[in-house]
């Protein structure tokens, strides 16, 4: 890998590795890829559970529910495009599946935090799109 390309990709490649301690003992690149993919699926499962909770809270608000669906579809498109772009420097290489999965995980975890914030809204908070309990 060219030094300049590595320096440009270092934040993308090294930060997720630091966050992926449970993958650090994987003996091969294939094992690293599988572990990162499993982490991505776990983050997606967490996101889906929170999405369902928000969806349930919006059961009596069809317009807000429709906006949630629209926002989530747009977010999925953004996530996929962002990770495609941010990992394009290693596309086609053995590192690509790992880098792509780690990007998906990181972006998904950010969305998870947004959903958690929505679920903590207090009753009467007009700045929050999800009714409090």
Foldseek 3Di string as FASTA:
>chain_A
DDPVLCVVLVVLPPVLVVVQVVQVPQPDLVSLLVSLLVLLVVLVVLLVVLLVVQLVQCVVPVVLNVVSVVVVVVLVVVQQVVLCVSLVSQPPHSCSSNSSSSSSNVSSVVVSVVSVVLACDAAPPPVHSGHYD
